[in-house]
Amino acid sequence: MLHTVLDARAAGFDVVVLTGAVRAVGSAAGDGERALRRMVDAGARLRPDCAG
């Protein structure tokens, strides 16, 4: 997910990450939070749920 978001931002797309629909898998403690921070730093917006 991280690299898809970063690639999309680099290509100029607006990106919204539905944080209720994603999670870190098989990662070290804190990796998920760091990945979300990198997405935000790249210009992605976080949305806490999947509701309209």
N, C-alpha and C. Protein backbone atom coordinates (compact mmCIF):
# COMPACT_ATOMS: atom_id res chain seq x y z
N MET A 1 0.82 -1.19 0.00
CA MET A 1 0.00 0.00 0.00
C MET A 1 0.86 1.26 0.00
N LEU A 2 1.89 1.26 0.81
CA LEU A 2 2.74 2.45 0.92
C LEU A 2 3.29 2.86 -0.43
N HIS A 3 3.88 1.92 -1.14
CA HIS A 3 4.53 2.27 -2.41
C HIS A 3 3.51 2.64 -3.48
N THR A 4 2.33 2.06 -3.44
CA THR A 4 1.28 2.45 -4.37
C THR A 4 0.88 3.90 -4.13
N VAL A 5 0.72 4.27 -2.88
CA VAL A 5 0.37 5.66 -2.53
C VAL A 5 1.49 6.61 -2.97
N LEU A 6 2.72 6.26 -2.66
CA LEU A 6 3.85 7.12 -3.03
C LEU A 6 3.96 7.27 -4.55
N ASP A 7 3.77 6.17 -5.28
CA ASP A 7 3.81 6.23 -6.75
C ASP A 7 2.69 7.11 -7.30
N ALA A 8 1.49 6.94 -6.74
CA ALA A 8 0.35 7.73 -7.21
C ALA A 8 0.58 9.22 -6.95
N ARG A 9 1.11 9.55 -5.78
CA ARG A 9 1.39 10.96 -5.48
C ARG A 9 2.47 11.50 -6.41
N ALA A 10 3.50 10.70 -6.68
CA ALA A 10 4.58 11.14 -7.57
C ALA A 10 4.05 11.38 -8.98
N ALA A 11 3.00 10.65 -9.36
CA ALA A 11 2.39 10.82 -10.68
C ALA A 11 1.37 11.95 -10.70
N GLY A 12 1.15 12.60 -9.55
CA GLY A 12 0.26 13.75 -9.50
C GLY A 12 -1.18 13.46 -9.11
N PHE A 13 -1.47 12.23 -8.71
CA PHE A 13 -2.83 11.89 -8.31
C PHE A 13 -3.12 12.36 -6.88
N ASP A 14 -4.37 12.76 -6.63
CA ASP A 14 -4.83 12.99 -5.27
C ASP A 14 -5.09 11.62 -4.66
N VAL A 15 -4.66 11.42 -3.42
CA VAL A 15 -4.81 10.12 -2.78
C VAL A 15 -5.46 10.29 -1.43
N VAL A 16 -6.48 9.48 -1.17
CA VAL A 16 -7.11 9.41 0.14
C VAL A 16 -6.97 7.97 0.63
N VAL A 17 -6.37 7.80 1.80
CA VAL A 17 -6.20 6.47 2.39
C VAL A 17 -7.28 6.27 3.43
N LEU A 18 -8.10 5.26 3.24
CA LEU A 18 -9.15 4.92 4.20
C LEU A 18 -8.51 4.07 5.30
N THR A 19 -8.15 4.70 6.39
CA THR A 19 -7.36 4.01 7.42
C THR A 19 -8.12 2.87 8.09
N GLY A 20 -9.44 2.90 8.03
CA GLY A 20 -10.21 1.79 8.58
C GLY A 20 -10.20 0.56 7.68
N ALA A 21 -9.67 0.71 6.47
CA ALA A 21 -9.67 -0.40 5.52
C ALA A 21 -8.27 -0.96 5.28
N VAL A 22 -7.26 -0.42 5.97
CA VAL A 22 -5.89 -0.90 5.79
C VAL A 22 -5.25 -1.18 7.14
N ARG A 23 -4.25 -2.05 7.13
CA ARG A 23 -3.47 -2.30 8.34
C ARG A 23 -2.12 -2.85 7.95
N ALA A 24 -1.17 -2.68 8.83
CA ALA A 24 0.17 -3.22 8.61
C ALA A 24 0.14 -4.73 8.88
N VAL A 25 0.80 -5.50 8.04
CA VAL A 25 0.84 -6.95 8.21
C VAL A 25 2.29 -7.42 8.20
N GLY A 26 2.62 -8.30 9.11
CA GLY A 26 3.95 -8.88 9.14
C GLY A 26 5.05 -7.84 9.26
N SER A 27 4.80 -6.83 10.06
CA SER A 27 5.78 -5.75 10.19
C SER A 27 6.18 -5.59 11.65
N ALA A 28 7.24 -4.86 11.85
CA ALA A 28 7.70 -4.57 13.21
C ALA A 28 6.80 -3.51 13.84
N ALA A 29 6.84 -3.46 15.15
CA ALA A 29 6.04 -2.48 15.87
C ALA A 29 6.35 -1.07 15.37
N GLY A 30 5.30 -0.31 15.09
CA GLY A 30 5.47 1.07 14.64
C GLY A 30 5.58 1.24 13.14
N ASP A 31 5.78 0.15 12.40
CA ASP A 31 5.92 0.27 10.94
C ASP A 31 4.67 0.85 10.29
N GLY A 32 3.50 0.44 10.75
CA GLY A 32 2.25 0.94 10.18
C GLY A 32 2.10 2.44 10.35
N GLU A 33 2.42 2.92 11.54
CA GLU A 33 2.33 4.35 11.81
C GLU A 33 3.35 5.13 10.97
N ARG A 34 4.56 4.57 10.84
CA ARG A 34 5.58 5.23 10.02
C ARG A 34 5.16 5.27 8.55
N ALA A 35 4.54 4.21 8.07
CA ALA A 35 4.07 4.17 6.68
C ALA A 35 2.99 5.23 6.45
N LEU A 36 2.05 5.33 7.37
CA LEU A 36 1.00 6.35 7.24
C LEU A 36 1.61 7.75 7.24
N ARG A 37 2.60 7.98 8.10
CA ARG A 37 3.26 9.29 8.16
C ARG A 37 3.95 9.59 6.83
N ARG A 38 4.60 8.59 6.22
CA ARG A 38 5.25 8.80 4.92
C ARG A 38 4.21 9.15 3.85
N MET A 39 3.05 8.50 3.92
CA MET A 39 1.98 8.81 2.95
C MET A 39 1.52 10.24 3.10
N VAL A 40 1.29 10.67 4.34
CA VAL A 40 0.86 12.04 4.61
C VAL A 40 1.95 13.03 4.18
N ASP A 41 3.18 12.72 4.49
CA ASP A 41 4.28 13.60 4.10
C ASP A 41 4.38 13.75 2.59
N ALA A 42 3.93 12.71 1.85
CA ALA A 42 3.94 12.76 0.39
C ALA A 42 2.72 13.49 -0.17
N GLY A 43 1.77 13.84 0.72
CA GLY A 43 0.60 14.59 0.28
C GLY A 43 -0.70 13.83 0.27
N ALA A 44 -0.68 12.58 0.71
CA ALA A 44 -1.92 11.81 0.79
C ALA A 44 -2.73 12.32 1.98
N ARG A 45 -4.04 12.14 1.87
CA ARG A 45 -4.93 12.49 2.98
C ARG A 45 -5.42 11.21 3.63
N LEU A 46 -5.52 11.22 4.95
CA LEU A 46 -6.04 10.07 5.69
C LEU A 46 -7.48 10.31 6.06
N ARG A 47 -8.27 9.30 5.88
CA ARG A 47 -9.68 9.35 6.28
C ARG A 47 -9.93 8.17 7.20
N PRO A 48 -10.47 8.40 8.39
CA PRO A 48 -10.53 7.35 9.40
C PRO A 48 -11.53 6.23 9.14
N ASP A 49 -12.45 6.37 8.24
CA ASP A 49 -13.42 5.29 8.03
C ASP A 49 -13.79 5.20 6.55
N CYS A 50 -14.59 4.21 6.25
CA CYS A 50 -14.98 3.97 4.86
C CYS A 50 -16.34 4.58 4.52
N ALA A 51 -16.98 5.21 5.50
CA ALA A 51 -18.31 5.78 5.26
C ALA A 51 -18.22 7.04 4.42
N GLY A 52 -19.21 7.25 3.57
CA GLY A 52 -19.29 8.38 2.66
C GLY A 52 -18.92 9.67 3.24
